[in-house]
C-alpha atoms as a PDB file:
ATOM      1  CA  MET A   1      -4.772 -16.970  33.172  1.00  0.00           C
ATOM      2  CA  ALA A   2      -1.047 -16.928  32.471  1.00  0.00           C
ATOM      3  CA  ILE A   3       0.963 -20.043  33.138  1.00  0.00           C
ATOM      4  CA  THR A   4       3.681 -19.996  35.741  1.00  0.00           C
ATOM      5  CA  LEU A   5       6.497 -22.426  35.082  1.00  0.00           C
ATOM      6  CA  ASP A   6       9.801 -22.537  36.850  1.00  0.00           C
ATOM      7  CA  ALA A   7      12.394 -20.601  34.838  1.00  0.00           C
ATOM      8  CA  GLN A   8      14.780 -23.588  34.861  1.00  0.00           C
ATOM      9  CA  LEU A   9      12.044 -25.879  33.535  1.00  0.00           C
ATOM     10  CA  LEU A  10      11.120 -23.440  30.781  1.00  0.00           C
ATOM     11  CA  GLU A  11      14.807 -23.201  29.863  1.00  0.00           C
ATOM     12  CA  ILE A  12      15.114 -26.952  29.227  1.00  0.00           C
ATOM     13  CA  LEU A  13      11.731 -27.542  27.558  1.00  0.00           C
ATOM     14  CA  ALA A  14      11.877 -27.729  23.774  1.00  0.00           C
ATOM     15  CA  CYS A  15       9.485 -28.311  20.917  1.00  0.00           C
ATOM     16  CA  PRO A  16       9.205 -32.031  20.127  1.00  0.00           C
ATOM     17  CA  SER A  17       9.293 -31.338  16.380  1.00  0.00           C
ATOM     18  CA  PRO A  18      12.590 -32.101  14.599  1.00  0.00           C
ATOM     19  CA  ASP A  19      13.953 -28.560  15.088  1.00  0.00           C
ATOM     20  CA  HIS A  20      13.735 -28.799  18.936  1.00  0.00           C
ATOM     21  CA  ALA A  21      13.450 -25.038  19.303  1.00  0.00           C
ATOM     22  CA  PRO A  22      12.860 -23.301  22.648  1.00  0.00           C
ATOM     23  CA  LEU A  23       9.328 -22.609  23.863  1.00  0.00           C
ATOM     24  CA  ARG A  24       7.893 -19.340  25.160  1.00  0.00           C
ATOM     25  CA  PRO A  25       4.864 -18.891  27.434  1.00  0.00           C
ATOM     26  CA  GLY A  26       1.512 -17.922  25.951  1.00  0.00           C
ATOM     27  CA  ALA A  27       0.012 -18.127  22.482  1.00  0.00           C
ATOM     28  CA  PRO A  28       0.696 -15.718  19.606  1.00  0.00           C
ATOM     29  CA  ASP A  29      -2.772 -14.168  19.826  1.00  0.00           C
ATOM     30  CA  ASP A  30      -3.029 -14.396  23.633  1.00  0.00           C
ATOM     31  CA  PRO A  31       0.135 -13.956  25.720  1.00  0.00           C
ATOM     32  CA  GLU A  32      -1.855 -14.896  28.844  1.00  0.00           C
ATOM     33  CA  ALA A  33      -3.037 -18.254  27.439  1.00  0.00           C
ATOM     34  CA  ASP A  34      -2.278 -21.525  29.232  1.00  0.00           C
ATOM     35  CA  ALA A  35       0.030 -22.605  26.434  1.00  0.00           C
ATOM     36  CA  LEU A  36       3.619 -22.739  25.236  1.00  0.00           C
ATOM     37  CA  THR A  37       4.572 -21.610  21.737  1.00  0.00           C
ATOM     38  CA  CYS A  38       7.525 -22.885  19.717  1.00  0.00           C
ATOM     39  CA  THR A  39       9.852 -20.070  18.716  1.00  0.00           C
ATOM     40  CA  GLU A  40      10.697 -21.804  15.406  1.00  0.00           C
ATOM     41  CA  CYS A  41       7.642 -23.602  13.966  1.00  0.00           C
ATOM     42  CA  GLY A  42       4.970 -21.656  15.861  1.00  0.00           C
ATOM     43  CA  ARG A  43       3.132 -24.717  17.195  1.00  0.00           C
ATOM     44  CA  VAL A  44       1.131 -23.956  20.322  1.00  0.00           C
ATOM     45  CA  TYR A  45       1.139 -26.639  23.029  1.00  0.00           C
ATOM     46  CA  PRO A  46      -1.525 -26.634  25.757  1.00  0.00           C
ATOM     47  CA  VAL A  47      -0.696 -26.511  29.441  1.00  0.00           C
ATOM     48  CA  ARG A  48      -3.257 -28.497  31.442  1.00  0.00           C
ATOM     49  CA  ASP A  49      -3.329 -28.311  35.232  1.00  0.00           C
ATOM     50  CA  GLY A  50       0.135 -26.741  35.146  1.00  0.00           C
ATOM     51  CA  ILE A  51       1.603 -29.560  33.037  1.00  0.00           C
ATOM     52  CA  PRO A  52       2.851 -28.823  29.501  1.00  0.00           C
ATOM     53  CA  VAL A  53       1.418 -31.300  26.987  1.00  0.00           C
ATOM     54  CA  LEU A  54       4.297 -31.527  24.509  1.00  0.00           C
ATOM     55  CA  LEU A  55       2.727 -33.948  22.037  1.00  0.00           C
ATOM     56  CA  LEU A  56       2.696 -33.057  18.351  1.00  0.00           C
ATOM     57  CA  ASP A  57      -0.852 -34.451  18.081  1.00  0.00           C
ATOM     58  CA  GLU A  58      -2.027 -32.037  20.787  1.00  0.00           C
ATOM     59  CA  ALA A  59      -0.359 -28.963  19.280  1.00  0.00           C
ATOM     60  CA  THR A  60      -2.195 -26.298  17.334  1.00  0.00           C
ATOM     61  CA  LEU A  61      -0.447 -25.274  14.138  1.00  0.00           C
ATOM     62  CA  PRO A  62      -0.067 -21.598  13.249  1.00  0.00           C
ATOM     63  CA  GLY A  63      -3.273 -20.328  11.688  1.00  0.00           C
ATOM     64  CA  GLU A  64      -5.493 -22.900  13.406  1.00  0.00           C
ATOM     65  CA  HIS A  65      -7.845 -21.792  16.143  1.00  0.00           C
ATOM     66  CA  GLY A  66      -7.559 -24.859  18.358  1.00  0.00           C
ATOM     67  CA  ASN A  67     -10.686 -26.487  16.946  1.00  0.00           C
ATOM     68  CA  SER A  68      -9.686 -30.131  16.625  1.00  0.00           C
ATOM     69  CA  ASP A  69     -13.343 -31.123  16.138  1.00  0.00           C
ATOM     70  CA  ALA A  70     -13.377 -29.460  12.705  1.00  0.00           C
ATOM     71  CA  ASP A  71     -12.569 -32.854  11.135  1.00  0.00           C
ATOM     72  CA  SER A  72     -16.158 -34.039  11.524  1.00  0.00           C
ATOM     73  CA  ALA A  73     -17.873 -34.480   8.164  1.00  0.00           C
END
């Protein structure tokens, strides 16, 4: 399901990483994903219940598949 954010909100949202680049809807491999992708660093931020979660700890880095449980030994 594609996210629907107000155009003005999307215009002012920015990646929280030091480059503060604009975000675009969707993920690189799924344009319909409930996510926002940084146009500079490629981090993918989840959108939960219509609310963008712009925390670096919650972002998926390019090349990762969103599996944060992979750290288990």
